[in-house]
């Protein structure tokens, strides 16, 4: 008969997530988890097969938390802008989780066209919102999305690493200005193509 688990999967995972939020995923070790739970490391392995499984579960929990931010952003009058603000807010409020999810090198994807659909599970929904709100073709909407995501990721990364700080108003103003500029350029390009 296998040993009875001293801690539930949820308890262990919550503690692992807490450690990740404080110190990053590399700090999540069997020894540290046991210490924080007031035990040895052994009970962890009655619930999880390995520390890799624990870390994979932490990543899934971080993605779930990020998805809550995105859902809130999608309720914004302009969902695309709302998601950008949510992305930056996640970086500010959960810097270690942001670094875990968005500041690690992708295995295969090396250009932005390939990266965005992989890291942003709401990619198609956001892209559709850009197309419908601004009356753009998919290709143009993708280009604007890529440009604005690059800018948004830059701000989020600076905030997550403590390089600089912005107020909520400054973030909204900057995203609005960049989006407006991109729309002017792309719509002007479309007019030139017709002439």
C-alpha atoms as a PDB file:
ATOM      1  CA  UNK A   1       0.000   0.000   0.000  1.00  0.00           C
ATOM      2  CA  UNK A   2       1.493   3.395  -1.020  1.00  0.00           C
ATOM      3  CA  UNK A   3       2.163   5.883   1.778  1.00  0.00           C
ATOM      4  CA  UNK A   4      -0.641   8.298   2.557  1.00  0.00           C
ATOM      5  CA  UNK A   5       0.094  11.810   1.317  1.00  0.00           C
ATOM      6  CA  UNK A   6       0.928  14.223   4.117  1.00  0.00           C
ATOM      7  CA  UNK A   7       0.123  17.226   1.895  1.00  0.00           C
ATOM      8  CA  UNK A   8      -2.340  17.591  -0.929  1.00  0.00           C
ATOM      9  CA  UNK A   9      -1.245  18.332  -4.469  1.00  0.00           C
ATOM     10  CA  UNK A  10      -2.868  21.743  -4.114  1.00  0.00           C
ATOM     11  CA  UNK A  11      -0.973  22.577  -0.902  1.00  0.00           C
ATOM     12  CA  UNK A  12       2.352  21.647  -2.442  1.00  0.00           C
ATOM     13  CA  UNK A  13       1.583  23.508  -5.644  1.00  0.00           C
ATOM     14  CA  UNK A  14       0.442  26.635  -3.789  1.00  0.00           C
ATOM     15  CA  UNK A  15       3.708  26.655  -1.840  1.00  0.00           C
ATOM     16  CA  UNK A  16       5.742  26.100  -5.021  1.00  0.00           C
ATOM     17  CA  UNK A  17       3.899  28.990  -6.677  1.00  0.00           C
ATOM     18  CA  UNK A  18       4.562  31.174  -3.636  1.00  0.00           C
ATOM     19  CA  UNK A  19       8.285  30.399  -3.801  1.00  0.00           C
ATOM     20  CA  UNK A  20       8.289  31.151  -7.539  1.00  0.00           C
ATOM     21  CA  UNK A  21       6.574  34.509  -6.975  1.00  0.00           C
ATOM     22  CA  UNK A  22       9.202  35.432  -4.379  1.00  0.00           C
ATOM     23  CA  UNK A  23      12.416  34.021  -5.837  1.00  0.00           C
ATOM     24  CA  UNK A  24      11.771  32.536  -9.269  1.00  0.00           C
ATOM     25  CA  UNK A  25      11.257  28.986 -10.505  1.00  0.00           C
ATOM     26  CA  UNK A  26      14.889  27.969  -9.881  1.00  0.00           C
ATOM     27  CA  UNK A  27      14.298  28.385  -6.135  1.00  0.00           C
ATOM     28  CA  UNK A  28      11.631  25.669  -6.218  1.00  0.00           C
ATOM     29  CA  UNK A  29      13.562  22.665  -4.933  1.00  0.00           C
ATOM     30  CA  UNK A  30      12.421  19.633  -2.980  1.00  0.00           C
ATOM     31  CA  UNK A  31      14.417  20.831   0.018  1.00  0.00           C
ATOM     32  CA  UNK A  32      12.919  24.357  -0.078  1.00  0.00           C
ATOM     33  CA  UNK A  33       9.388  23.018  -0.531  1.00  0.00           C
ATOM     34  CA  UNK A  34       9.817  20.625   2.385  1.00  0.00           C
ATOM     35  CA  UNK A  35      11.249  23.381   4.551  1.00  0.00           C
ATOM     36  CA  UNK A  36       8.373  25.750   3.757  1.00  0.00           C
ATOM     37  CA  UNK A  37       5.821  23.014   4.400  1.00  0.00           C
ATOM     38  CA  UNK A  38       7.515  22.153   7.709  1.00  0.00           C
ATOM     39  CA  UNK A  39       8.545  18.701   6.571  1.00  0.00           C
ATOM     40  CA  UNK A  40      11.199  16.761   4.749  1.00  0.00           C
ATOM     41  CA  UNK A  41      11.141  16.599   0.947  1.00  0.00           C
ATOM     42  CA  UNK A  42       9.802  13.018   0.998  1.00  0.00           C
ATOM     43  CA  UNK A  43       6.049  13.880   1.199  1.00  0.00           C
ATOM     44  CA  UNK A  44       6.318  15.855  -2.033  1.00  0.00           C
ATOM     45  CA  UNK A  45       7.124  12.697  -3.918  1.00  0.00           C
ATOM     46  CA  UNK A  46       4.054  10.881  -2.646  1.00  0.00           C
ATOM     47  CA  UNK A  47       2.038  13.358  -4.735  1.00  0.00           C
ATOM     48  CA  UNK A  48       4.406  14.332  -7.575  1.00  0.00           C
ATOM     49  CA  UNK A  49       6.638  12.029  -9.604  1.00  0.00           C
ATOM     50  CA  UNK A  50       9.493  14.542  -9.808  1.00  0.00           C
ATOM     51  CA  UNK A  51      10.461  18.167  -9.333  1.00  0.00           C
ATOM     52  CA  UNK A  52      10.057  18.607 -13.086  1.00  0.00           C
ATOM     53  CA  UNK A  53       6.386  17.742 -12.660  1.00  0.00           C
ATOM     54  CA  UNK A  54       6.104  20.271  -9.819  1.00  0.00           C
ATOM     55  CA  UNK A  55       7.674  22.980 -11.987  1.00  0.00           C
ATOM     56  CA  UNK A  56       5.476  22.117 -14.974  1.00  0.00           C
ATOM     57  CA  UNK A  57       2.456  22.441 -12.680  1.00  0.00           C
ATOM     58  CA  UNK A  58       3.713  25.824 -11.439  1.00  0.00           C
ATOM     59  CA  UNK A  59       3.947  27.029 -15.043  1.00  0.00           C
ATOM     60  CA  UNK A  60       0.369  25.915 -15.662  1.00  0.00           C
ATOM     61  CA  UNK A  61      -0.785  27.784 -12.528  1.00  0.00           C
ATOM     62  CA  UNK A  62       1.099  30.899 -13.677  1.00  0.00           C
ATOM     63  CA  UNK A  63      -0.637  30.647 -17.068  1.00  0.00           C
ATOM     64  CA  UNK A  64      -4.006  30.350 -15.337  1.00  0.00           C
ATOM     65  CA  UNK A  65      -3.281  33.478 -13.324  1.00  0.00           C
ATOM     66  CA  UNK A  66      -2.158  35.340 -16.453  1.00  0.00           C
ATOM     67  CA  UNK A  67      -5.357  34.229 -18.226  1.00  0.00           C
ATOM     68  CA  UNK A  68      -7.355  35.978 -15.480  1.00  0.00           C
ATOM     69  CA  UNK A  69      -5.534  39.219 -16.291  1.00  0.00           C
ATOM     70  CA  UNK A  70      -6.220  38.760 -20.010  1.00  0.00           C
ATOM     71  CA  UNK A  71      -9.911  38.056 -19.425  1.00  0.00           C
ATOM     72  CA  UNK A  72     -10.141  41.296 -17.483  1.00  0.00           C
ATOM     73  CA  UNK A  73      -8.335  43.126 -20.296  1.00  0.00           C
ATOM     74  CA  UNK A  74     -10.705  41.702 -22.898  1.00  0.00           C
ATOM     75  CA  UNK A  75     -13.594  43.454 -21.107  1.00  0.00           C
ATOM     76  CA  UNK A  76     -12.045  46.852 -21.907  1.00  0.00           C
ATOM     77  CA  UNK A  77     -13.854  49.040 -24.441  1.00  0.00           C
ATOM     78  CA  UNK A  78     -10.955  48.330 -26.814  1.00  0.00           C
ATOM     79  CA  UNK A  79     -10.027  44.769 -25.957  1.00  0.00           C
ATOM     80  CA  UNK A  80      -6.669  44.949 -27.708  1.00  0.00           C
ATOM     81  CA  UNK A  81      -5.584  47.893 -25.583  1.00  0.00           C
ATOM     82  CA  UNK A  82      -7.081  46.246 -22.501  1.00  0.00           C
ATOM     83  CA  UNK A  83      -5.015  43.110 -23.056  1.00  0.00           C
ATOM     84  CA  UNK A  84      -1.862  45.201 -23.507  1.00  0.00           C
ATOM     85  CA  UNK A  85      -2.529  46.966 -20.222  1.00  0.00           C
ATOM     86  CA  UNK A  86      -3.283  43.618 -18.544  1.00  0.00           C
ATOM     87  CA  UNK A  87       0.009  42.204 -19.860  1.00  0.00           C
ATOM     88  CA  UNK A  88       1.930  45.144 -18.393  1.00  0.00           C
ATOM     89  CA  UNK A  89      -0.045  44.947 -15.128  1.00  0.00           C
ATOM     90  CA  UNK A  90       0.829  41.245 -14.840  1.00  0.00           C
ATOM     91  CA  UNK A  91       4.513  42.169 -15.262  1.00  0.00           C
ATOM     92  CA  UNK A  92       4.228  44.820 -12.542  1.00  0.00           C
ATOM     93  CA  UNK A  93       2.255  42.745 -10.048  1.00  0.00           C
ATOM     94  CA  UNK A  94       3.787  39.322 -10.741  1.00  0.00           C
ATOM     95  CA  UNK A  95       7.322  40.051 -12.004  1.00  0.00           C
ATOM     96  CA  UNK A  96       8.737  36.576 -11.324  1.00  0.00           C
ATOM     97  CA  UNK A  97       5.794  34.871 -13.010  1.00  0.00           C
ATOM     98  CA  UNK A  98       6.066  37.278 -15.948  1.00  0.00           C
ATOM     99  CA  UNK A  99       9.747  36.408 -16.282  1.00  0.00           C
ATOM    100  CA  UNK A 100       8.909  32.708 -16.107  1.00  0.00           C
ATOM    101  CA  UNK A 101       6.266  32.900 -18.839  1.00  0.00           C
ATOM    102  CA  UNK A 102       7.552  35.640 -21.136  1.00  0.00           C
ATOM    103  CA  UNK A 103      11.269  36.141 -20.640  1.00  0.00           C
ATOM    104  CA  UNK A 104      12.598  32.684 -21.398  1.00  0.00           C
ATOM    105  CA  UNK A 105      13.919  31.806 -24.822  1.00  0.00           C
ATOM    106  CA  UNK A 106      11.440  29.916 -26.983  1.00  0.00           C
ATOM    107  CA  UNK A 107      12.694  26.552 -28.168  1.00  0.00           C
ATOM    108  CA  UNK A 108      11.679  26.767 -31.819  1.00  0.00           C
ATOM    109  CA  UNK A 109      10.186  30.156 -32.549  1.00  0.00           C
ATOM    110  CA  UNK A 110      12.639  32.867 -33.500  1.00  0.00           C
ATOM    111  CA  UNK A 111      10.448  35.413 -35.296  1.00  0.00           C
ATOM    112  CA  UNK A 112       7.533  37.321 -33.867  1.00  0.00           C
ATOM    113  CA  UNK A 113       5.028  35.785 -36.289  1.00  0.00           C
ATOM    114  CA  UNK A 114       5.765  32.400 -34.752  1.00  0.00           C
ATOM    115  CA  UNK A 115       6.162  33.546 -31.138  1.00  0.00           C
ATOM    116  CA  UNK A 116       2.891  35.394 -30.539  1.00  0.00           C
ATOM    117  CA  UNK A 117       0.483  32.527 -31.259  1.00  0.00           C
ATOM    118  CA  UNK A 118       2.573  30.260 -29.013  1.00  0.00           C
ATOM    119  CA  UNK A 119       2.830  32.513 -25.948  1.00  0.00           C
ATOM    120  CA  UNK A 120      -0.552  34.214 -26.256  1.00  0.00           C
ATOM    121  CA  UNK A 121      -3.384  31.705 -26.163  1.00  0.00           C
ATOM    122  CA  UNK A 122      -5.879  34.503 -26.881  1.00  0.00           C
ATOM    123  CA  UNK A 123      -4.023  35.449 -30.071  1.00  0.00           C
ATOM    124  CA  UNK A 124      -6.863  34.774 -32.523  1.00  0.00           C
ATOM    125  CA  UNK A 125      -9.443  36.478 -30.331  1.00  0.00           C
ATOM    126  CA  UNK A 126      -7.286  39.600 -29.986  1.00  0.00           C
ATOM    127  CA  UNK A 127      -6.439  39.631 -33.683  1.00  0.00           C
ATOM    128  CA  UNK A 128     -10.116  39.412 -34.601  1.00  0.00           C
ATOM    129  CA  UNK A 129     -10.879  42.344 -32.283  1.00  0.00           C
ATOM    130  CA  UNK A 130      -8.241  44.475 -34.035  1.00  0.00           C
ATOM    131  CA  UNK A 131      -9.674  43.596 -37.436  1.00  0.00           C
ATOM    132  CA  UNK A 132     -13.278  44.307 -36.459  1.00  0.00           C
ATOM    133  CA  UNK A 133     -12.658  47.461 -34.417  1.00  0.00           C
ATOM    134  CA  UNK A 134     -10.472  49.130 -37.029  1.00  0.00           C
ATOM    135  CA  UNK A 135     -11.803  47.565 -40.236  1.00  0.00           C
ATOM    136  CA  UNK A 136      -8.480  45.981 -41.155  1.00  0.00           C
ATOM    137  CA  UNK A 137      -7.524  42.967 -43.202  1.00  0.00           C
ATOM    138  CA  UNK A 138      -5.928  40.121 -41.258  1.00  0.00           C
ATOM    139  CA  UNK A 139      -2.415  40.758 -42.601  1.00  0.00           C
ATOM    140  CA  UNK A 140      -2.526  44.425 -41.569  1.00  0.00           C
ATOM    141  CA  UNK A 141      -4.006  43.554 -38.169  1.00  0.00           C
ATOM    142  CA  UNK A 142      -1.212  41.012 -37.597  1.00  0.00           C
ATOM    143  CA  UNK A 143       1.420  43.612 -38.433  1.00  0.00           C
ATOM    144  CA  UNK A 144      -0.085  46.132 -36.010  1.00  0.00           C
ATOM    145  CA  UNK A 145      -0.411  43.441 -33.334  1.00  0.00           C
ATOM    146  CA  UNK A 146       3.244  42.485 -33.734  1.00  0.00           C
ATOM    147  CA  UNK A 147       4.443  46.093 -33.532  1.00  0.00           C
ATOM    148  CA  UNK A 148       2.334  46.930 -30.511  1.00  0.00           C
ATOM    149  CA  UNK A 149       3.175  43.671 -28.741  1.00  0.00           C
ATOM    150  CA  UNK A 150       6.887  44.419 -29.194  1.00  0.00           C
ATOM    151  CA  UNK A 151       6.379  47.834 -27.607  1.00  0.00           C
ATOM    152  CA  UNK A 152       4.155  46.434 -24.837  1.00  0.00           C
ATOM    153  CA  UNK A 153       6.623  43.646 -24.088  1.00  0.00           C
ATOM    154  CA  UNK A 154       9.397  46.229 -23.794  1.00  0.00           C
ATOM    155  CA  UNK A 155       7.482  48.225 -21.185  1.00  0.00           C
ATOM    156  CA  UNK A 156       6.454  45.066 -19.327  1.00  0.00           C
ATOM    157  CA  UNK A 157      10.030  43.763 -19.275  1.00  0.00           C
ATOM    158  CA  UNK A 158      11.382  47.060 -17.945  1.00  0.00           C
ATOM    159  CA  UNK A 159       8.779  46.996 -15.183  1.00  0.00           C
ATOM    160  CA  UNK A 160       9.272  43.306 -14.323  1.00  0.00           C
ATOM    161  CA  UNK A 161      13.021  43.779 -13.980  1.00  0.00           C
ATOM    162  CA  UNK A 162      12.750  47.075 -12.099  1.00  0.00           C
ATOM    163  CA  UNK A 163      14.581  49.006 -14.814  1.00  0.00           C
ATOM    164  CA  UNK A 164      12.026  51.828 -14.693  1.00  0.00           C
ATOM    165  CA  UNK A 165       8.486  52.597 -13.629  1.00  0.00           C
ATOM    166  CA  UNK A 166       5.429  54.082 -15.286  1.00  0.00           C
ATOM    167  CA  UNK A 167       2.112  55.205 -13.899  1.00  0.00           C
ATOM    168  CA  UNK A 168      -1.109  53.624 -15.147  1.00  0.00           C
ATOM    169  CA  UNK A 169      -1.856  56.861 -16.995  1.00  0.00           C
ATOM    170  CA  UNK A 170       1.554  56.910 -18.686  1.00  0.00           C
ATOM    171  CA  UNK A 171       1.105  53.310 -19.828  1.00  0.00           C
ATOM    172  CA  UNK A 172      -2.341  53.997 -21.271  1.00  0.00           C
ATOM    173  CA  UNK A 173      -1.134  57.169 -22.996  1.00  0.00           C
ATOM    174  CA  UNK A 174       1.864  55.450 -24.566  1.00  0.00           C
ATOM    175  CA  UNK A 175      -0.119  52.465 -25.816  1.00  0.00           C
ATOM    176  CA  UNK A 176      -2.787  54.764 -27.268  1.00  0.00           C
ATOM    177  CA  UNK A 177      -0.220  56.929 -29.049  1.00  0.00           C
ATOM    178  CA  UNK A 178       1.617  53.958 -30.529  1.00  0.00           C
ATOM    179  CA  UNK A 179      -1.624  52.332 -31.664  1.00  0.00           C
ATOM    180  CA  UNK A 180      -2.840  55.566 -33.247  1.00  0.00           C
ATOM    181  CA  UNK A 181       0.483  56.029 -35.006  1.00  0.00           C
ATOM    182  CA  UNK A 182       0.415  52.485 -36.364  1.00  0.00           C
ATOM    183  CA  UNK A 183      -3.147  52.932 -37.611  1.00  0.00           C
ATOM    184  CA  UNK A 184      -2.238  56.180 -39.371  1.00  0.00           C
ATOM    185  CA  UNK A 185       0.745  54.550 -41.070  1.00  0.00           C
ATOM    186  CA  UNK A 186      -1.147  51.422 -42.141  1.00  0.00           C
ATOM    187  CA  UNK A 187      -4.264  53.245 -43.303  1.00  0.00           C
ATOM    188  CA  UNK A 188      -2.082  55.764 -45.172  1.00  0.00           C
ATOM    189  CA  UNK A 189      -0.246  52.877 -46.780  1.00  0.00           C
ATOM    190  CA  UNK A 190      -3.599  51.408 -47.843  1.00  0.00           C
ATOM    191  CA  UNK A 191      -4.628  54.717 -49.431  1.00  0.00           C
ATOM    192  CA  UNK A 192      -1.324  54.978 -51.305  1.00  0.00           C
ATOM    193  CA  UNK A 193      -1.810  51.454 -52.650  1.00  0.00           C
ATOM    194  CA  UNK A 194      -5.199  52.481 -54.082  1.00  0.00           C
ATOM    195  CA  UNK A 195      -3.770  55.549 -55.848  1.00  0.00           C
END
